[in-house]
Amino acid sequence: MGVECRYELAQAAYVKLALHALKHPAAAVNGLLVGRLLDSAASPAVVSVVDAVPLSHQPHHLPLLPTLELALTLVEDHFAAQGLAVVGYYHANARRDDADLPAVAKRVGDHIFRYFPRAAVLLLDNEKLEKVVKGNSRDAVVQLYTRDSSKSWRQAGSDASSQLSLKEPSTNVVLADHVTTKKWQQVVDFDDHLDDISK
């Protein structure tokens, strides 16, 4: 992308995407990141991610452009009154040991990038998530990917902590508490809604 940018991840967004992955541990899950660009004139610019919208635990639905367009339109319409927009995408692979950003995540990221040129893709690290849930780690459970000038999605390097920060320092403690109280059962994605429209 060539534009220096930092991403600030709010507790609500972080906890929701992690709980979405925990609800469907044997499936790849994904969703949209909602937020705003705080100050485009600042250097580096800061993108505030305030919420996450779980989309699917059956990612074969998402590569279909009409499905993605519908989801983007519904989410944009819902959050527009609050001055928020889709600023990225999150993905968790089905396998615990799979730490590669899949092609579907790159394609969705490319699509969002057309509308928001500072789009981010967050890949959930299942091994780190397992450690946080057990109380053995305070590290963020997501890896930041941004689009570079060659139009490829690249993982933030050794300075990832300066590019991605958790807004609230106690976020992993809150996540562990939500896991013990089984709050993951309350997470509903579009697939769940299509299975039961009362959700």
Protein backbone atom coordinates (compact mmCIF):
# COMPACT_ATOMS: atom_id res chain seq x y z
CA MET A 1 0.00 0.00 0.00
CA GLY A 2 2.89 2.33 0.74
CA VAL A 3 0.88 4.39 3.29
CA GLU A 4 2.01 4.02 6.86
CA CYS A 5 -0.89 3.10 9.11
CA ARG A 6 -1.59 1.88 12.63
CA TYR A 7 -4.60 -0.20 13.68
CA GLU A 8 -6.25 0.07 17.07
CA LEU A 9 -8.44 -2.92 17.94
CA ALA A 10 -11.21 -2.32 20.48
CA GLN A 11 -12.01 -4.95 23.08
CA ALA A 12 -15.51 -5.58 21.70
CA ALA A 13 -14.20 -6.41 18.21
CA TYR A 14 -11.32 -8.56 19.50
CA VAL A 15 -13.43 -10.57 21.93
CA LYS A 16 -16.22 -11.11 19.40
CA LEU A 17 -13.94 -12.47 16.66
CA ALA A 18 -12.19 -14.77 19.14
CA LEU A 19 -15.51 -16.05 20.54
CA HIS A 20 -16.72 -16.66 16.97
CA ALA A 21 -13.71 -18.94 16.40
CA LEU A 22 -14.26 -20.69 19.73
CA LYS A 23 -17.92 -21.35 18.92
CA HIS A 24 -16.94 -23.23 15.74
CA PRO A 25 -13.57 -24.84 16.63
CA ALA A 26 -13.60 -27.31 13.74
CA ALA A 27 -14.55 -24.77 11.07
CA ALA A 28 -12.95 -21.81 9.39
CA VAL A 29 -14.76 -18.66 10.51
CA ASN A 30 -14.72 -15.16 9.12
CA GLY A 31 -16.27 -11.75 9.46
CA LEU A 32 -16.00 -8.06 8.81
CA LEU A 33 -14.17 -5.43 10.84
CA VAL A 34 -16.03 -2.17 11.39
CA GLY A 35 -14.46 1.12 12.36
CA ARG A 36 -13.21 4.46 11.11
CA LEU A 37 -10.11 6.30 10.05
CA LEU A 38 -9.35 8.58 13.00
CA ASP A 39 -7.10 11.17 11.35
CA SER A 40 -5.95 10.71 7.78
CA ALA A 41 -3.55 13.68 8.10
CA ALA A 42 -1.71 12.12 11.05
CA SER A 43 1.49 10.22 10.46
CA PRO A 44 0.98 7.38 10.80
CA ALA A 45 -2.77 7.36 10.13
CA VAL A 46 -4.81 5.43 12.70
CA VAL A 47 -7.65 3.07 11.84
CA SER A 48 -9.86 2.37 14.85
CA VAL A 49 -11.56 -1.04 14.66
CA VAL A 50 -14.53 -0.82 17.04
CA ASP A 51 -16.59 -3.90 16.20
CA ALA A 52 -16.56 -7.21 14.36
CA VAL A 53 -19.49 -8.70 12.47
CA PRO A 54 -19.36 -12.51 12.28
CA LEU A 55 -20.25 -13.67 8.77
CA SER A 56 -19.74 -17.35 8.35
CA HIS A 57 -18.43 -20.62 9.67
CA GLN A 58 -18.78 -22.12 6.20
CA PRO A 59 -16.36 -20.03 4.12
CA HIS A 60 -17.38 -21.67 0.85
CA HIS A 61 -20.34 -19.24 0.96
CA LEU A 62 -18.16 -16.15 1.04
CA PRO A 63 -16.22 -16.38 -2.24
CA LEU A 64 -19.53 -15.83 -4.01
CA LEU A 65 -19.49 -12.14 -4.87
CA PRO A 66 -23.27 -11.61 -4.48
CA THR A 67 -23.12 -13.04 -0.93
CA LEU A 68 -20.18 -10.82 -0.04
CA GLU A 69 -21.79 -7.75 -1.61
CA LEU A 70 -25.00 -8.38 0.33
CA ALA A 71 -23.10 -8.75 3.60
CA LEU A 72 -21.07 -5.59 2.95
CA THR A 73 -24.19 -3.60 2.06
CA LEU A 74 -26.12 -4.75 5.14
CA VAL A 75 -23.20 -4.05 7.48
CA GLU A 76 -22.44 -0.66 5.91
CA ASP A 77 -26.12 0.37 6.16
CA HIS A 78 -26.37 -0.76 9.77
CA PHE A 79 -23.27 1.12 10.97
CA ALA A 80 -23.43 4.22 8.72
CA ALA A 81 -25.52 6.22 11.21
CA GLN A 82 -22.72 5.80 13.76
CA GLY A 83 -20.12 7.11 11.30
CA LEU A 84 -18.57 3.65 10.91
CA ALA A 85 -17.66 1.63 7.84
CA VAL A 86 -16.15 -1.72 6.92
CA VAL A 87 -12.39 -1.33 7.43
CA GLY A 88 -11.26 -4.94 7.14
CA TYR A 89 -11.87 -8.64 7.41
CA TYR A 90 -10.98 -11.36 9.89
CA HIS A 91 -10.43 -15.05 9.31
CA ALA A 92 -9.66 -18.09 11.47
CA ASN A 93 -8.49 -21.27 9.78
CA ALA A 94 -10.14 -24.58 10.67
CA ARG A 95 -6.90 -26.34 11.59
CA ARG A 96 -5.16 -25.37 14.81
CA ASP A 97 -1.70 -25.47 13.20
CA ASP A 98 -2.63 -23.55 10.01
CA ALA A 99 -1.12 -20.08 10.19
CA ASP A 100 -1.31 -19.20 6.49
CA LEU A 101 -3.59 -16.50 5.12
CA PRO A 102 -5.92 -18.36 2.72
CA ALA A 103 -6.78 -17.19 -0.79
CA VAL A 104 -10.40 -16.44 0.21
CA ALA A 105 -9.19 -13.97 2.86
CA LYS A 106 -6.97 -12.25 0.31
CA ARG A 107 -9.83 -11.98 -2.20
CA VAL A 108 -12.22 -10.54 0.39
CA GLY A 109 -9.47 -8.18 1.56
CA ASP A 110 -8.93 -7.04 -2.03
CA HIS A 111 -12.64 -6.36 -2.40
CA ILE A 112 -12.76 -4.28 0.80
CA PHE A 113 -9.56 -2.48 -0.23
CA ARG A 114 -11.38 -1.06 -3.27
CA TYR A 115 -13.69 0.84 -0.90
CA PHE A 116 -11.29 1.45 1.99
CA PRO A 117 -7.62 1.73 0.88
CA ARG A 118 -6.29 1.19 4.41
CA ALA A 119 -8.10 -2.12 4.83
CA ALA A 120 -6.63 -4.71 7.16
CA VAL A 121 -6.98 -8.46 7.29
CA LEU A 122 -6.63 -10.13 10.69
CA LEU A 123 -5.77 -13.81 10.82
CA LEU A 124 -6.61 -15.48 14.10
CA ASP A 125 -3.74 -17.58 15.47
CA ASN A 126 -5.47 -20.66 16.90
CA GLU A 127 -2.45 -21.75 18.94
CA LYS A 128 -2.17 -18.33 20.61
CA LEU A 129 -5.93 -18.34 21.23
CA GLU A 130 -5.63 -21.67 23.01
CA LYS A 131 -2.89 -20.26 25.27
CA VAL A 132 -4.90 -17.12 26.09
CA VAL A 133 -8.00 -19.17 26.94
CA LYS A 134 -5.90 -21.27 29.34
CA GLY A 135 -4.47 -18.09 30.90
CA ASN A 136 -0.95 -18.85 29.67
CA SER A 137 -0.47 -15.78 27.50
CA ARG A 138 -1.32 -12.11 27.19
CA ASP A 139 -0.25 -11.84 23.53
CA ALA A 140 -2.73 -10.73 20.90
CA VAL A 141 -4.28 -13.73 19.14
CA VAL A 142 -4.41 -12.08 15.72
CA GLN A 143 -1.84 -11.42 13.04
CA LEU A 144 -2.12 -8.22 11.01
CA TYR A 145 -1.94 -8.30 7.22
CA THR A 146 -1.91 -5.18 5.07
CA ARG A 147 -1.74 -4.72 1.34
CA ASP A 148 1.60 -3.51 0.03
CA SER A 149 2.49 -1.53 -3.08
CA SER A 150 2.74 -4.75 -5.13
CA LYS A 151 -0.93 -5.46 -4.25
CA SER A 152 0.00 -8.47 -2.10
CA TRP A 153 -1.17 -9.08 1.45
CA ARG A 154 1.83 -9.13 3.77
CA GLN A 155 2.02 -9.95 7.44
CA ALA A 156 3.22 -7.06 9.56
CA GLY A 157 6.85 -7.71 10.41
CA SER A 158 8.75 -7.47 13.65
CA ASP A 159 7.15 -4.09 14.32
CA ALA A 160 3.64 -5.61 14.24
CA SER A 161 3.01 -4.50 17.82
CA SER A 162 3.53 -0.89 16.76
CA GLN A 163 1.13 -1.34 13.83
CA LEU A 164 -1.59 -3.23 15.73
CA SER A 165 -2.53 -2.51 19.30
CA LEU A 166 -5.32 -3.62 21.60
CA LYS A 167 -7.13 -0.51 22.81
CA GLU A 168 -7.78 -1.92 26.28
CA PRO A 169 -4.84 -3.67 28.01
CA SER A 170 -7.09 -6.13 29.88
CA THR A 171 -8.68 -7.51 26.70
CA ASN A 172 -7.29 -11.05 27.05
CA VAL A 173 -8.45 -11.21 30.68
CA VAL A 174 -11.97 -10.25 29.54
CA LEU A 175 -11.77 -12.85 26.76
CA ALA A 176 -10.77 -15.59 29.22
CA ASP A 177 -13.65 -14.56 31.50
CA HIS A 178 -16.11 -14.72 28.59
CA VAL A 179 -14.86 -18.21 27.77
CA THR A 180 -15.42 -19.45 31.33
CA THR A 181 -18.97 -18.08 31.26
CA LYS A 182 -19.53 -19.62 27.79
CA LYS A 183 -20.40 -16.29 26.15
CA TRP A 184 -19.28 -17.78 22.84
CA GLN A 185 -22.69 -19.46 22.69
CA GLN A 186 -24.26 -16.01 22.16
CA VAL A 187 -22.26 -15.24 19.01
CA VAL A 188 -24.48 -15.45 15.92
CA ASP A 189 -23.13 -15.24 12.39
CA PHE A 190 -25.05 -14.98 9.10
CA ASP A 191 -24.94 -18.77 8.68
CA ASP A 192 -26.59 -19.23 12.08
CA HIS A 193 -29.21 -16.64 11.16
CA LEU A 194 -29.99 -18.39 7.88
CA ASP A 195 -30.40 -21.68 9.79
CA ASP A 196 -32.76 -20.04 12.29
CA ILE A 197 -34.08 -16.58 11.45
CA SER A 198 -35.10 -15.96 15.05
CA LYS A 199 -31.39 -15.44 15.86
